[in-house]
Amino acid sequence: MKFVNIKQFAEMKKCSRENIYNAERKREITIDRTSGFPVVYLTEENLNWKPKEKGRPRKKILDIS
């Protein structure tokens, strides 16, 4: 089974490490801590996870032509 560390998984998903830890706390992904450092196994559930955007949505510019 393949695995990556938290930093590599965050780079794959284009988000911060904080988002990864928050998703694990909400049980959206699983992180294994038994090996001495936290790793994320590349399972179907973890690969399908998408980070949620934080903050207010951006203003959309309406093009009325």
PDB file of N, CA and C in Angstrom:
ATOM      1  N   MET A   1       0.844  -1.174   0.000  1.00  0.00           N
ATOM      2  CA  MET A   1       0.000   0.000   0.000  1.00  0.00           C
ATOM      3  C   MET A   1       0.890   1.238   0.000  1.00  0.00           C
ATOM      4  N   LYS A   2       0.612   2.173  -0.886  1.00  0.00           N
ATOM      5  CA  LYS A   2       1.420   3.383  -0.978  1.00  0.00           C
ATOM      6  C   LYS A   2       0.950   4.404   0.040  1.00  0.00           C
ATOM      7  N   PHE A   3       1.893   5.214   0.485  1.00  0.00           N
ATOM      8  CA  PHE A   3       1.560   6.273   1.438  1.00  0.00           C
ATOM      9  C   PHE A   3       2.473   7.464   1.202  1.00  0.00           C
ATOM     10  N   VAL A   4       2.031   8.629   1.697  1.00  0.00           N
ATOM     11  CA  VAL A   4       2.808   9.867   1.626  1.00  0.00           C
ATOM     12  C   VAL A   4       2.702  10.560   2.975  1.00  0.00           C
ATOM     13  N   ASN A   5       3.606  11.503   3.207  1.00  0.00           N
ATOM     14  CA  ASN A   5       3.498  12.257   4.456  1.00  0.00           C
ATOM     15  C   ASN A   5       2.504  13.404   4.278  1.00  0.00           C
ATOM     16  N   ILE A   6       2.260  14.129   5.324  1.00  0.00           N
ATOM     17  CA  ILE A   6       1.241  15.181   5.321  1.00  0.00           C
ATOM     18  C   ILE A   6       1.593  16.280   4.324  1.00  0.00           C
ATOM     19  N   LYS A   7       2.849  16.685   4.277  1.00  0.00           N
ATOM     20  CA  LYS A   7       3.270  17.757   3.385  1.00  0.00           C
ATOM     21  C   LYS A   7       3.049  17.374   1.922  1.00  0.00           C
ATOM     22  N   GLN A   8       3.408  16.152   1.553  1.00  0.00           N
ATOM     23  CA  GLN A   8       3.233  15.705   0.176  1.00  0.00           C
ATOM     24  C   GLN A   8       1.762  15.593  -0.189  1.00  0.00           C
ATOM     25  N   PHE A   9       0.938  15.125   0.747  1.00  0.00           N
ATOM     26  CA  PHE A   9      -0.492  15.005   0.480  1.00  0.00           C
ATOM     27  C   PHE A   9      -1.116  16.388   0.304  1.00  0.00           C
ATOM     28  N   ALA A  10      -0.668  17.367   1.087  1.00  0.00           N
ATOM     29  CA  ALA A  10      -1.171  18.730   0.954  1.00  0.00           C
ATOM     30  C   ALA A  10      -0.774  19.322  -0.395  1.00  0.00           C
ATOM     31  N   GLU A  11       0.418  19.017  -0.868  1.00  0.00           N
ATOM     32  CA  GLU A  11       0.845  19.494  -2.179  1.00  0.00           C
ATOM     33  C   GLU A  11       0.035  18.838  -3.291  1.00  0.00           C
ATOM     34  N   MET A  12      -0.306  17.568  -3.123  1.00  0.00           N
ATOM     35  CA  MET A  12      -1.126  16.869  -4.114  1.00  0.00           C
ATOM     36  C   MET A  12      -2.508  17.492  -4.229  1.00  0.00           C
ATOM     37  N   LYS A  13      -3.085  17.860  -3.101  1.00  0.00           N
ATOM     38  CA  LYS A  13      -4.436  18.405  -3.072  1.00  0.00           C
ATOM     39  C   LYS A  13      -4.475  19.925  -3.180  1.00  0.00           C
ATOM     40  N   LYS A  14      -3.308  20.566  -3.260  1.00  0.00           N
ATOM     41  CA  LYS A  14      -3.188  22.025  -3.381  1.00  0.00           C
ATOM     42  C   LYS A  14      -3.913  22.752  -2.243  1.00  0.00           C
ATOM     43  N   CYS A  15      -3.586  22.342  -1.026  1.00  0.00           N
ATOM     44  CA  CYS A  15      -4.144  22.985   0.156  1.00  0.00           C
ATOM     45  C   CYS A  15      -3.058  23.004   1.236  1.00  0.00           C
ATOM     46  N   SER A  16      -3.397  23.503   2.395  1.00  0.00           N
ATOM     47  CA  SER A  16      -2.412  23.595   3.472  1.00  0.00           C
ATOM     48  C   SER A  16      -2.439  22.331   4.336  1.00  0.00           C
ATOM     49  N   ARG A  17      -1.391  22.165   5.119  1.00  0.00           N
ATOM     50  CA  ARG A  17      -1.345  21.026   6.041  1.00  0.00           C
ATOM     51  C   ARG A  17      -2.423  21.147   7.098  1.00  0.00           C
ATOM     52  N   GLU A  18      -2.763  22.375   7.447  1.00  0.00           N
ATOM     53  CA  GLU A  18      -3.819  22.598   8.428  1.00  0.00           C
ATOM     54  C   GLU A  18      -5.151  22.036   7.940  1.00  0.00           C
ATOM     55  N   ASN A  19      -5.437  22.182   6.641  1.00  0.00           N
ATOM     56  CA  ASN A  19      -6.659  21.617   6.077  1.00  0.00           C
ATOM     57  C   ASN A  19      -6.666  20.098   6.184  1.00  0.00           C
ATOM     58  N   ILE A  20      -5.514  19.486   6.011  1.00  0.00           N
ATOM     59  CA  ILE A  20      -5.412  18.023   6.108  1.00  0.00           C
ATOM     60  C   ILE A  20      -5.712  17.580   7.533  1.00  0.00           C
ATOM     61  N   TYR A  21      -5.103  18.240   8.508  1.00  0.00           N
ATOM     62  CA  TYR A  21      -5.349  17.871   9.905  1.00  0.00           C
ATOM     63  C   TYR A  21      -6.799  18.125  10.308  1.00  0.00           C
ATOM     64  N   ASN A  22      -7.398  19.211   9.816  1.00  0.00           N
ATOM     65  CA  ASN A  22      -8.801  19.485  10.125  1.00  0.00           C
ATOM     66  C   ASN A  22      -9.716  18.434   9.506  1.00  0.00           C
ATOM     67  N   ALA A  23      -9.409  17.992   8.300  1.00  0.00           N
ATOM     68  CA  ALA A  23     -10.214  16.950   7.659  1.00  0.00           C
ATOM     69  C   ALA A  23     -10.096  15.632   8.419  1.00  0.00           C
ATOM     70  N   GLU A  24      -8.935  15.357   8.964  1.00  0.00           N
ATOM     71  CA  GLU A  24      -8.761  14.130   9.747  1.00  0.00           C
ATOM     72  C   GLU A  24      -9.545  14.218  11.054  1.00  0.00           C
ATOM     73  N   ARG A  25      -9.565  15.396  11.637  1.00  0.00           N
ATOM     74  CA  ARG A  25     -10.323  15.576  12.880  1.00  0.00           C
ATOM     75  C   ARG A  25     -11.819  15.409  12.636  1.00  0.00           C
ATOM     76  N   LYS A  26     -12.285  15.820  11.444  1.00  0.00           N
ATOM     77  CA  LYS A  26     -13.697  15.658  11.088  1.00  0.00           C
ATOM     78  C   LYS A  26     -13.999  14.278  10.506  1.00  0.00           C
ATOM     79  N   ARG A  27     -12.990  13.408  10.458  1.00  0.00           N
ATOM     80  CA  ARG A  27     -13.095  12.038   9.964  1.00  0.00           C
ATOM     81  C   ARG A  27     -13.444  11.965   8.477  1.00  0.00           C
ATOM     82  N   GLU A  28     -12.958  12.933   7.698  1.00  0.00           N
ATOM     83  CA  GLU A  28     -13.146  12.905   6.255  1.00  0.00           C
ATOM     84  C   GLU A  28     -12.036  12.106   5.580  1.00  0.00           C
ATOM     85  N   ILE A  29     -10.838  12.106   6.154  1.00  0.00           N
ATOM     86  CA  ILE A  29      -9.730  11.284   5.686  1.00  0.00           C
ATOM     87  C   ILE A  29      -9.125  10.585   6.891  1.00  0.00           C
ATOM     88  N   THR A  30      -8.300   9.581   6.643  1.00  0.00           N
ATOM     89  CA  THR A  30      -7.657   8.858   7.743  1.00  0.00           C
ATOM     90  C   THR A  30      -6.148   9.058   7.666  1.00  0.00           C
ATOM     91  N   ILE A  31      -5.557   9.305   8.815  1.00  0.00           N
ATOM     92  CA  ILE A  31      -4.115   9.480   8.951  1.00  0.00           C
ATOM     93  C   ILE A  31      -3.620   8.418   9.913  1.00  0.00           C
ATOM     94  N   ASP A  32      -2.560   7.709   9.520  1.00  0.00           N
ATOM     95  CA  ASP A  32      -1.987   6.669  10.371  1.00  0.00           C
ATOM     96  C   ASP A  32      -0.802   7.247  11.127  1.00  0.00           C
ATOM     97  N   ARG A  33      -0.830   7.145  12.446  1.00  0.00           N
ATOM     98  CA  ARG A  33       0.235   7.706  13.287  1.00  0.00           C
ATOM     99  C   ARG A  33       1.060   6.627  13.978  1.00  0.00           C
ATOM    100  N   THR A  34       0.881   5.368  13.633  1.00  0.00           N
ATOM    101  CA  THR A  34       1.564   4.293  14.343  1.00  0.00           C
ATOM    102  C   THR A  34       3.015   4.120  13.916  1.00  0.00           C
ATOM    103  N   SER A  35       3.416   4.675  12.785  1.00  0.00           N
ATOM    104  CA  SER A  35       4.777   4.470  12.287  1.00  0.00           C
ATOM    105  C   SER A  35       5.788   5.449  12.879  1.00  0.00           C
ATOM    106  N   GLY A  36       5.364   6.341  13.746  1.00  0.00           N
ATOM    107  CA  GLY A  36       6.276   7.297  14.351  1.00  0.00           C
ATOM    108  C   GLY A  36       6.067   8.699  13.821  1.00  0.00           C
ATOM    109  N   PHE A  37       5.597   8.820  12.602  1.00  0.00           N
ATOM    110  CA  PHE A  37       5.234  10.115  12.039  1.00  0.00           C
ATOM    111  C   PHE A  37       3.955   9.916  11.235  1.00  0.00           C
ATOM    112  N   PRO A  38       3.130  10.946  11.142  1.00  0.00           N
ATOM    113  CA  PRO A  38       1.839  10.772  10.469  1.00  0.00           C
ATOM    114  C   PRO A  38       1.996  10.558   8.968  1.00  0.00           C
ATOM    115  N   VAL A  39       1.310   9.537   8.449  1.00  0.00           N
ATOM    116  CA  VAL A  39       1.301   9.257   7.014  1.00  0.00           C
ATOM    117  C   VAL A  39      -0.141   9.118   6.558  1.00  0.00           C
ATOM    118  N   VAL A  40      -0.348   9.412   5.290  1.00  0.00           N
ATOM    119  CA  VAL A  40      -1.666   9.277   4.678  1.00  0.00           C
ATOM    120  C   VAL A  40      -1.558   8.175   3.638  1.00  0.00           C
ATOM    121  N   TYR A  41      -2.317   7.097   3.826  1.00  0.00           N
ATOM    122  CA  TYR A  41      -2.335   6.025   2.843  1.00  0.00           C
ATOM    123  C   TYR A  41      -3.171   6.459   1.655  1.00  0.00           C
ATOM    124  N   LEU A  42      -2.722   6.147   0.462  1.00  0.00           N
ATOM    125  CA  LEU A  42      -3.410   6.561  -0.752  1.00  0.00           C
ATOM    126  C   LEU A  42      -4.530   5.575  -1.083  1.00  0.00           C
ATOM    127  N   THR A  43      -5.552   5.614  -0.253  1.00  0.00           N
ATOM    128  CA  THR A  43      -6.722   4.771  -0.471  1.00  0.00           C
ATOM    129  C   THR A  43      -7.727   5.521  -1.332  1.00  0.00           C
ATOM    130  N   GLU A  44      -8.768   4.819  -1.751  1.00  0.00           N
ATOM    131  CA  GLU A  44      -9.809   5.424  -2.582  1.00  0.00           C
ATOM    132  C   GLU A  44     -10.471   6.597  -1.857  1.00  0.00           C
ATOM    133  N   GLU A  45     -10.752   6.411  -0.565  1.00  0.00           N
ATOM    134  CA  GLU A  45     -11.407   7.459   0.221  1.00  0.00           C
ATOM    135  C   GLU A  45     -10.532   8.707   0.326  1.00  0.00           C
ATOM    136  N   ASN A  46      -9.251   8.517   0.601  1.00  0.00           N
ATOM    137  CA  ASN A  46      -8.353   9.661   0.757  1.00  0.00           C
ATOM    138  C   ASN A  46      -8.084  10.364  -0.572  1.00  0.00           C
ATOM    139  N   LEU A  47      -7.993   9.608  -1.676  1.00  0.00           N
ATOM    140  CA  LEU A  47      -7.731  10.228  -2.967  1.00  0.00           C
ATOM    141  C   LEU A  47      -8.934  10.988  -3.496  1.00  0.00           C
ATOM    142  N   ASN A  48     -10.141  10.582  -3.122  1.00  0.00           N
ATOM    143  CA  ASN A  48     -11.349  11.253  -3.591  1.00  0.00           C
ATOM    144  C   ASN A  48     -11.708  12.477  -2.759  1.00  0.00           C
ATOM    145  N   TRP A  49     -11.022  12.695  -1.647  1.00  0.00           N
ATOM    146  CA  TRP A  49     -11.315  13.832  -0.785  1.00  0.00           C
ATOM    147  C   TRP A  49     -10.913  15.119  -1.488  1.00  0.00           C
ATOM    148  N   LYS A  50     -11.797  16.135  -1.398  1.00  0.00           N
ATOM    149  CA  LYS A  50     -11.504  17.447  -1.971  1.00  0.00           C
ATOM    150  C   LYS A  50     -11.536  18.475  -0.847  1.00  0.00           C
ATOM    151  N   PRO A  51     -10.530  19.341  -0.764  1.00  0.00           N
ATOM    152  CA  PRO A  51     -10.530  20.363   0.286  1.00  0.00           C
ATOM    153  C   PRO A  51     -11.652  21.366   0.075  1.00  0.00           C
ATOM    154  N   LYS A  52     -12.226  21.787   1.177  1.00  0.00           N
ATOM    155  CA  LYS A  52     -13.296  22.779   1.132  1.00  0.00           C
ATOM    156  C   LYS A  52     -12.682  24.163   1.214  1.00  0.00           C
ATOM    157  N   GLU A  53     -13.247  25.076   0.442  1.00  0.00           N
ATOM    158  CA  GLU A  53     -12.751  26.446   0.475  1.00  0.00           C
ATOM    159  C   GLU A  53     -13.256  27.152   1.716  1.00  0.00           C
ATOM    160  N   LYS A  54     -12.400  27.958   2.303  1.00  0.00           N
ATOM    161  CA  LYS A  54     -12.766  28.700   3.503  1.00  0.00           C
ATOM    162  C   LYS A  54     -13.025  30.147   3.128  1.00  0.00           C
ATOM    163  N   GLY A  55     -13.748  30.829   3.973  1.00  0.00           N
ATOM    164  CA  GLY A  55     -13.966  32.248   3.777  1.00  0.00           C
ATOM    165  C   GLY A  55     -15.191  32.542   2.945  1.00  0.00           C
ATOM    166  N   ARG A  56     -15.350  33.815   2.639  1.00  0.00           N
ATOM    167  CA  ARG A  56     -16.493  34.256   1.858  1.00  0.00           C
ATOM    168  C   ARG A  56     -16.270  33.941   0.386  1.00  0.00           C
ATOM    169  N   PRO A  57     -17.333  33.670  -0.342  1.00  0.00           N
ATOM    170  CA  PRO A  57     -17.171  33.439  -1.774  1.00  0.00           C
ATOM    171  C   PRO A  57     -16.773  34.722  -2.493  1.00  0.00           C
ATOM    172  N   ARG A  58     -16.045  34.569  -3.567  1.00  0.00           N
ATOM    173  CA  ARG A  58     -15.612  35.728  -4.337  1.00  0.00           C
ATOM    174  C   ARG A  58     -16.790  36.314  -5.090  1.00  0.00           C
ATOM    175  N   LYS A  59     -16.710  37.617  -5.334  1.00  0.00           N
ATOM    176  CA  LYS A  59     -17.734  38.290  -6.109  1.00  0.00           C
ATOM    177  C   LYS A  59     -17.649  37.828  -7.545  1.00  0.00           C
ATOM    178  N   LYS A  60     -18.762  37.484  -8.114  1.00  0.00           N
ATOM    179  CA  LYS A  60     -18.782  37.104  -9.517  1.00  0.00           C
ATOM    180  C   LYS A  60     -19.187  38.313 -10.335  1.00  0.00           C
ATOM    181  N   ILE A  61     -18.470  38.559 -11.390  1.00  0.00           N
ATOM    182  CA  ILE A  61     -18.752  39.679 -12.272  1.00  0.00           C
ATOM    183  C   ILE A  61     -19.735  39.192 -13.329  1.00  0.00           C
ATOM    184  N   LEU A  62     -20.867  39.858 -13.421  1.00  0.00           N
ATOM    185  CA  LEU A  62     -21.873  39.495 -14.401  1.00  0.00           C
ATOM    186  C   LEU A  62     -21.586  40.226 -15.695  1.00  0.00           C
ATOM    187  N   ASP A  63     -21.522  39.492 -16.779  1.00  0.00           N
ATOM    188  CA  ASP A  63     -21.280  40.075 -18.083  1.00  0.00           C
ATOM    189  C   ASP A  63     -22.610  40.185 -18.800  1.00  0.00           C
ATOM    190  N   ILE A  64     -23.188  41.384 -18.782  1.00  0.00           N
ATOM    191  CA  ILE A  64     -24.471  41.612 -19.441  1.00  0.00           C
ATOM    192  C   ILE A  64     -24.188  42.324 -20.754  1.00  0.00           C
ATOM    193  N   SER A  65     -24.325  41.611 -21.840  1.00  0.00           N
ATOM    194  CA  SER A  65     -24.046  42.197 -23.149  1.00  0.00           C
ATOM    195  C   SER A  65     -25.253  42.141 -24.045  1.00  0.00           C
TER     196      SER A  65
END
